[in-house]
Amino acid sequence: MIHVGHIKVTCFIITKQKDQMLCQLRKLHHGITCIHTEGGYSEQKNYTLMTVTTRYELAAVRKTVVQTDPDAFMNVVQSTEIVGRFARPKL
């Protein structure tokens, strides 16, 4: 058995449905940064939402993203260091 609760990951979510995605992601109680972006090939306007969560909560983030916008693109990277406030959910 491996304890993964302390492992942090950063999720980059690219979506056109910023407002709906923010509404759902806010329920997970982590900060979210919104960046106006543009597709490199399509040149279409998008939003990149960035949030840091735990490996344990990643499944909930993935489910939220897929249910909110099936066309969203999500990249997850392991975070080696977090500086600043990181809200831990109450167990």
Protein backbone atom coordinates (compact mmCIF):
# COMPACT_ATOMS: atom_id res chain seq x y z
CA MET A 1 0.00 0.00 0.00
CA ILE A 2 1.33 3.42 -0.97
CA HIS A 3 0.18 6.64 0.68
CA VAL A 4 -0.27 9.25 -2.07
CA GLY A 5 -2.12 11.99 -0.17
CA HIS A 6 0.94 14.20 0.20
CA ILE A 7 1.97 14.02 -3.48
CA LYS A 8 0.90 17.24 -5.23
CA VAL A 9 0.06 17.52 -8.91
CA THR A 10 -0.62 20.53 -11.11
CA CYS A 11 -3.52 20.22 -13.55
CA PHE A 12 -3.59 22.36 -16.68
CA ILE A 13 -7.09 22.29 -18.18
CA ILE A 14 -7.72 23.83 -21.60
CA THR A 15 -11.37 24.56 -22.27
CA LYS A 16 -13.71 26.91 -24.07
CA GLN A 17 -16.25 26.58 -21.23
CA LYS A 18 -14.45 28.66 -18.60
CA ASP A 19 -17.45 29.70 -16.51
CA GLN A 20 -18.98 26.22 -16.26
CA MET A 21 -15.59 24.64 -15.51
CA LEU A 22 -14.78 27.22 -12.81
CA CYS A 23 -18.17 26.69 -11.19
CA GLN A 24 -17.54 22.95 -10.89
CA LEU A 25 -13.84 23.09 -9.97
CA ARG A 26 -14.48 25.59 -7.15
CA LYS A 27 -16.40 22.84 -5.35
CA LEU A 28 -13.08 21.00 -4.90
CA HIS A 29 -11.75 23.79 -2.64
CA HIS A 30 -8.42 24.56 -4.31
CA GLY A 31 -7.30 27.77 -5.95
CA ILE A 32 -7.62 28.10 -9.71
CA THR A 33 -5.67 30.39 -12.02
CA CYS A 34 -7.31 31.41 -15.32
CA ILE A 35 -5.21 32.28 -18.34
CA HIS A 36 -6.56 33.49 -21.70
CA THR A 37 -4.87 31.31 -24.34
CA GLU A 38 -4.98 30.66 -28.07
CA GLY A 39 -4.60 27.38 -29.93
CA GLY A 40 -1.25 27.11 -31.68
CA TYR A 41 -2.71 25.44 -34.76
CA SER A 42 -6.38 26.40 -34.65
CA GLU A 43 -5.75 29.97 -33.45
CA GLN A 44 -9.04 29.68 -31.55
CA LYS A 45 -9.44 31.40 -28.21
CA ASN A 46 -9.36 29.10 -25.17
CA TYR A 47 -8.89 29.32 -21.43
CA THR A 48 -6.23 27.46 -19.50
CA LEU A 49 -7.21 26.77 -15.92
CA MET A 50 -4.42 25.74 -13.57
CA THR A 51 -4.96 24.14 -10.17
CA VAL A 52 -2.79 22.24 -7.71
CA THR A 53 -4.31 19.26 -5.94
CA THR A 54 -3.23 16.02 -4.32
CA ARG A 55 -2.76 12.73 -6.12
CA TYR A 56 -5.59 11.43 -3.94
CA GLU A 57 -8.03 14.08 -5.26
CA LEU A 58 -6.95 13.76 -8.90
CA ALA A 59 -9.73 11.32 -9.79
CA ALA A 60 -12.35 13.86 -8.66
CA VAL A 61 -10.73 16.59 -10.78
CA ARG A 62 -10.59 14.30 -13.82
CA LYS A 63 -14.25 13.31 -13.40
CA THR A 64 -15.30 16.96 -13.03
CA VAL A 65 -13.41 18.02 -16.15
CA VAL A 66 -14.77 15.19 -18.34
CA GLN A 67 -18.35 15.71 -17.16
CA THR A 68 -18.22 19.49 -17.56
CA ASP A 69 -16.50 19.64 -20.95
CA PRO A 70 -15.85 16.36 -22.80
CA ASP A 71 -13.78 18.33 -25.33
CA ALA A 72 -11.42 19.75 -22.69
CA PHE A 73 -7.72 18.88 -22.69
CA MET A 74 -6.05 18.19 -19.34
CA ASN A 75 -2.34 17.80 -18.64
CA VAL A 76 -1.26 16.61 -15.19
CA VAL A 77 2.30 17.07 -13.94
CA GLN A 78 3.80 16.12 -10.59
CA SER A 79 4.72 19.17 -8.53
CA THR A 80 8.01 18.93 -6.69
CA GLU A 81 7.56 22.01 -4.53
CA ILE A 82 4.68 24.25 -3.51
CA VAL A 83 5.43 27.71 -2.08
CA GLY A 84 2.54 29.61 -0.57
CA ARG A 85 -0.81 28.64 0.79
CA PHE A 86 -2.15 25.20 -0.11
CA ALA A 87 -5.58 24.38 1.32
CA ARG A 88 -5.84 20.84 2.60
CA PRO A 89 -9.34 19.39 2.65
CA LYS A 90 -10.82 18.48 6.01
CA LEU A 91 -11.00 14.70 6.39
